[in-house]
Amino acid sequence: MTTVTRAMLLAAGRGERMRPLTDARPKPLAEVAGKPLIQYHVERLAAAGVERIVINVAWLGSQIREALGDGGRFGLELLYSDEGPVALETGGGIFRALPLLGTDPFWVVSADLWTDFPFADPQSRLAATDLAHLFMVANPDFHKKGDFHLNDGRISQTVGTRLTYGNLALFRPELFADCQPGRYPMVPLLRTAIDHGRVSGELFSGRWHNIGTVAQLQALDTHLRASKQ
């Protein structure tokens, strides 16, 4: 697989479960070990050869622009897809940003994750006939039922080991071919593509933390600071 040079960071969410922290600061700017969550992704994607990152923003989005700028200090280009006062959800947000992402496959990553995912790993690939390649993780305590099944490198809704979608993926723009502007989730689009046999996947066994609460943020901060000792 050739190097993926485009990526989208999903950063428009309100972060309701992390209030009151997110009343004054967008969730992706919450810091762990002295650095905003979203900045870890920008740095890792830049190191992997990504040349342009599109960040969708809504709630307090101007703060994200101010914190990251145009990407020059990271060695890439940062563009922003402003969704206005109400976020368009994942599906609608990515569709809106497609003109900025080009025609080749692109990374999609939730900005409120922390992970050591190897974006430059050559084993992470999207087959020519597939619309998406999902990176799955072991079901965490807060999501024990998982999302989809992984069966011999294919994502299924019924067959295989049931795992959690890690909010890390490679998408082709064609995944959104039948979409229209608006506010809608991503999961129905993925389910349709899965039913047509056009979604591959793999298990990611590295470090992965989904930050949904202040307690989870504090636990990760403590862990990362301790690991630097």
Protein backbone atom coordinates (compact mmCIF):
# COMPACT_ATOMS: atom_id res chain seq x y z
CA MET A 1 0.00 0.00 0.00
CA THR A 2 1.27 3.48 -0.82
CA THR A 3 1.66 6.05 1.92
CA VAL A 4 -1.61 7.63 3.03
CA THR A 5 -1.10 11.38 2.83
CA ARG A 6 -4.48 12.65 4.07
CA ALA A 7 -6.21 12.26 7.41
CA MET A 8 -9.27 13.53 9.23
CA LEU A 9 -9.41 14.13 12.96
CA LEU A 10 -12.91 14.15 14.42
CA ALA A 11 -13.01 17.00 16.92
CA ALA A 12 -16.48 18.55 16.72
CA GLY A 13 -18.17 16.74 19.62
CA ARG A 14 -19.52 18.55 22.69
CA GLY A 15 -18.00 16.18 25.28
CA GLU A 16 -21.10 16.16 27.46
CA ARG A 17 -19.82 13.50 29.87
CA MET A 18 -16.75 15.57 30.64
CA ARG A 19 -18.59 18.69 31.74
CA PRO A 20 -17.85 21.08 33.39
CA LEU A 21 -14.31 20.68 31.99
CA THR A 22 -15.61 20.92 28.43
CA ASP A 23 -17.79 23.96 29.13
CA ALA A 24 -14.73 26.13 28.64
CA ARG A 25 -12.44 23.95 26.53
CA PRO A 26 -13.17 21.55 23.64
CA LYS A 27 -12.55 17.94 24.60
CA PRO A 28 -9.68 17.35 22.10
CA LEU A 29 -7.69 20.05 23.89
CA ALA A 30 -7.88 18.26 27.23
CA GLU A 31 -4.29 17.61 28.25
CA VAL A 32 -2.53 14.41 29.29
CA ALA A 33 1.12 14.52 30.33
CA GLY A 34 1.25 18.20 29.43
CA LYS A 35 -0.01 17.93 25.86
CA PRO A 36 -3.50 18.16 24.27
CA LEU A 37 -4.96 14.84 23.17
CA ILE A 38 -5.34 16.01 19.58
CA GLN A 39 -1.70 17.06 19.34
CA TYR A 40 -0.52 13.48 19.88
CA HIS A 41 -2.41 12.46 16.74
CA VAL A 42 -1.08 15.36 14.69
CA GLU A 43 2.49 14.51 15.61
CA ARG A 44 2.09 10.78 14.93
CA LEU A 45 0.38 11.35 11.59
CA ALA A 46 3.08 13.82 10.54
CA ALA A 47 5.77 11.28 11.45
CA ALA A 48 3.96 8.69 9.29
CA GLY A 49 4.11 10.86 6.16
CA VAL A 50 0.68 12.47 6.26
CA GLU A 51 0.82 15.81 4.48
CA ARG A 52 -2.64 17.21 5.19
CA ILE A 53 -4.98 16.81 8.14
CA VAL A 54 -8.55 18.06 8.11
CA ILE A 55 -10.06 18.75 11.53
CA ASN A 56 -13.81 19.21 11.88
CA VAL A 57 -14.78 21.70 14.54
CA ALA A 58 -17.98 22.95 16.15
CA TRP A 59 -18.12 23.54 19.90
CA LEU A 60 -15.39 26.08 20.82
CA GLY A 61 -13.67 25.20 17.57
CA SER A 62 -11.76 28.47 17.45
CA GLN A 63 -9.69 27.25 20.39
CA ILE A 64 -8.50 24.26 18.37
CA ARG A 65 -7.50 26.54 15.50
CA GLU A 66 -5.60 28.77 17.88
CA ALA A 67 -3.83 25.85 19.56
CA LEU A 68 -2.69 24.06 16.39
CA GLY A 69 -2.55 26.77 13.74
CA ASP A 70 -1.88 25.93 10.12
CA GLY A 71 0.25 22.86 10.89
CA GLY A 72 3.54 24.42 9.87
CA ARG A 73 5.26 23.68 13.16
CA PHE A 74 4.32 20.00 12.74
CA GLY A 75 5.57 19.79 9.16
CA LEU A 76 2.18 19.38 7.49
CA GLU A 77 -0.94 21.30 6.48
CA LEU A 78 -3.87 21.65 8.86
CA LEU A 79 -7.26 22.59 7.44
CA TYR A 80 -10.49 23.07 9.37
CA SER A 81 -14.03 22.07 8.45
CA ASP A 82 -16.27 24.33 10.51
CA GLU A 83 -19.67 22.78 11.16
CA GLY A 84 -21.16 25.76 12.95
CA PRO A 85 -22.81 25.68 16.38
CA VAL A 86 -24.20 22.14 16.04
CA ALA A 87 -21.91 19.27 15.06
CA LEU A 88 -22.96 17.18 12.05
CA GLU A 89 -22.14 13.84 13.74
CA THR A 90 -19.46 11.61 12.29
CA GLY A 91 -21.06 10.73 8.96
CA GLY A 92 -22.25 14.22 8.11
CA GLY A 93 -19.01 15.74 9.32
CA ILE A 94 -16.78 13.56 7.16
CA PHE A 95 -19.02 14.06 4.12
CA ARG A 96 -18.78 17.83 4.52
CA ALA A 97 -14.98 17.61 4.67
CA LEU A 98 -14.53 15.37 1.61
CA PRO A 99 -13.57 18.23 -0.78
CA LEU A 100 -10.59 18.92 1.48
CA LEU A 101 -9.51 15.28 1.64
CA GLY A 102 -9.07 14.45 -2.03
CA THR A 103 -9.84 11.25 -3.93
CA ASP A 104 -7.46 8.78 -2.25
CA PRO A 105 -7.97 6.75 0.95
CA PHE A 106 -7.57 8.74 4.14
CA TRP A 107 -7.16 8.07 7.85
CA VAL A 108 -10.07 8.82 10.17
CA VAL A 109 -9.28 9.16 13.87
CA SER A 110 -11.31 10.41 16.81
CA ALA A 111 -9.42 13.28 18.38
CA ASP A 112 -10.38 12.28 21.92
CA LEU A 113 -8.45 9.01 21.80
CA TRP A 114 -4.95 8.38 23.03
CA THR A 115 -3.09 5.56 21.29
CA ASP A 116 0.35 4.46 20.17
CA PHE A 117 -1.14 3.21 16.90
CA PRO A 118 1.58 2.88 14.19
CA PHE A 119 0.12 4.92 11.32
CA ALA A 120 3.13 4.08 9.15
CA ASP A 121 2.74 0.31 9.64
CA PRO A 122 2.75 -1.30 6.14
CA GLN A 123 0.50 -4.10 7.41
CA SER A 124 -2.35 -1.60 7.73
CA ARG A 125 -3.83 -1.66 4.25
CA LEU A 126 -7.04 -1.19 2.35
CA ALA A 127 -7.79 -3.61 -0.49
CA ALA A 128 -8.72 -2.17 -3.89
CA THR A 129 -12.34 -3.31 -3.69
CA ASP A 130 -12.94 -2.29 -0.07
CA LEU A 131 -14.51 0.96 1.09
CA ALA A 132 -13.13 0.85 4.62
CA HIS A 133 -10.58 -0.87 6.81
CA LEU A 134 -11.40 -0.77 10.52
CA PHE A 135 -9.00 -1.21 13.40
CA MET A 136 -10.68 -3.12 16.18
CA VAL A 137 -9.75 -3.35 19.86
CA ALA A 138 -10.61 -5.74 22.68
CA ASN A 139 -13.93 -4.80 24.25
CA PRO A 140 -13.29 -2.33 27.10
CA ASP A 141 -15.21 -2.52 30.36
CA PHE A 142 -17.49 0.34 29.31
CA HIS A 143 -18.42 -1.37 26.02
CA LYS A 144 -18.36 -5.09 26.69
CA LYS A 145 -20.77 -6.02 23.88
CA GLY A 146 -18.51 -4.62 21.17
CA ASP A 147 -19.59 -3.33 17.77
CA PHE A 148 -18.73 -5.69 14.91
CA HIS A 149 -17.29 -9.15 14.30
CA LEU A 150 -13.80 -9.73 12.91
CA ASN A 151 -13.52 -12.89 10.82
CA ASP A 152 -10.28 -13.67 8.97
CA GLY A 153 -9.55 -10.07 8.09
CA ARG A 154 -13.14 -9.20 7.21
CA ILE A 155 -15.68 -7.21 9.22
CA SER A 156 -19.02 -8.95 9.70
CA GLN A 157 -22.18 -8.23 11.63
CA THR A 158 -22.71 -11.86 12.54
CA VAL A 159 -19.62 -14.08 12.15
CA GLY A 160 -16.33 -14.05 14.03
CA THR A 161 -14.97 -12.50 17.21
CA ARG A 162 -17.03 -9.56 18.39
CA LEU A 163 -14.80 -6.56 19.06
CA THR A 164 -15.02 -2.81 19.51
CA TYR A 165 -14.39 -0.41 16.65
CA GLY A 166 -11.43 1.64 17.84
CA ASN A 167 -12.45 4.85 16.02
CA LEU A 168 -9.39 4.34 13.84
CA ALA A 169 -9.93 3.57 10.18
CA LEU A 170 -8.96 3.97 6.56
CA PHE A 171 -11.86 5.17 4.41
CA ARG A 172 -12.29 5.63 0.69
CA PRO A 173 -14.32 8.69 -0.36
CA GLU A 174 -16.58 6.28 -2.28
CA LEU A 175 -17.97 5.11 1.06
CA PHE A 176 -20.01 8.33 1.02
CA ALA A 177 -21.13 8.09 -2.61
CA ASP A 178 -24.85 8.02 -1.79
CA CYS A 179 -24.73 10.64 0.97
CA GLN A 180 -26.16 14.13 1.07
CA PRO A 181 -25.25 17.13 3.22
CA GLY A 182 -26.74 16.95 6.68
CA ARG A 183 -26.35 15.62 10.19
CA TYR A 184 -26.10 11.84 10.49
CA PRO A 185 -23.99 9.10 12.14
CA MET A 186 -21.30 6.94 10.56
CA VAL A 187 -22.40 3.51 11.77
CA PRO A 188 -25.31 3.01 9.30
CA LEU A 189 -22.95 3.72 6.40
CA LEU A 190 -20.48 1.18 7.73
CA ARG A 191 -23.19 -1.42 8.25
CA THR A 192 -24.32 -1.06 4.64
CA ALA A 193 -20.76 -1.46 3.37
CA ILE A 194 -20.24 -4.46 5.68
CA ASP A 195 -23.39 -6.12 4.34
CA HIS A 196 -21.98 -5.69 0.82
CA GLY A 197 -18.72 -7.37 1.87
CA ARG A 198 -16.63 -4.26 1.35
CA VAL A 199 -15.10 -3.68 4.80
CA SER A 200 -11.89 -5.30 6.02
CA GLY A 201 -10.35 -5.05 9.45
CA GLU A 202 -7.72 -6.12 11.91
CA LEU A 203 -7.16 -6.28 15.65
CA PHE A 204 -5.00 -3.57 17.15
CA SER A 205 -3.37 -4.80 20.34
CA GLY A 206 -1.35 -1.73 21.24
CA ARG A 207 -2.17 0.97 23.76
CA TRP A 208 -5.59 2.50 23.20
CA HIS A 209 -7.56 4.75 25.55
CA ASN A 210 -10.97 6.18 24.78
CA ILE A 211 -11.39 9.28 26.92
CA GLY A 212 -15.03 9.70 27.85
CA THR A 213 -14.93 10.95 31.43
CA VAL A 214 -12.79 13.20 33.61
CA ALA A 215 -11.77 10.14 35.62
CA GLN A 216 -10.47 8.40 32.48
CA LEU A 217 -8.56 11.55 31.51
CA GLN A 218 -6.95 11.76 34.94
CA ALA A 219 -6.06 8.06 34.95
CA LEU A 220 -4.35 8.35 31.55
CA ASP A 221 -2.49 11.47 32.65
CA THR A 222 -1.17 9.64 35.72
CA HIS A 223 -0.17 6.61 33.65
CA LEU A 224 1.70 8.60 31.01
CA ARG A 225 3.52 10.73 33.54
CA ALA A 226 4.57 7.61 35.45
CA SER A 227 5.80 5.92 32.26
CA LYS A 228 8.16 8.88 31.64
CA GLN A 229 9.94 8.32 34.94
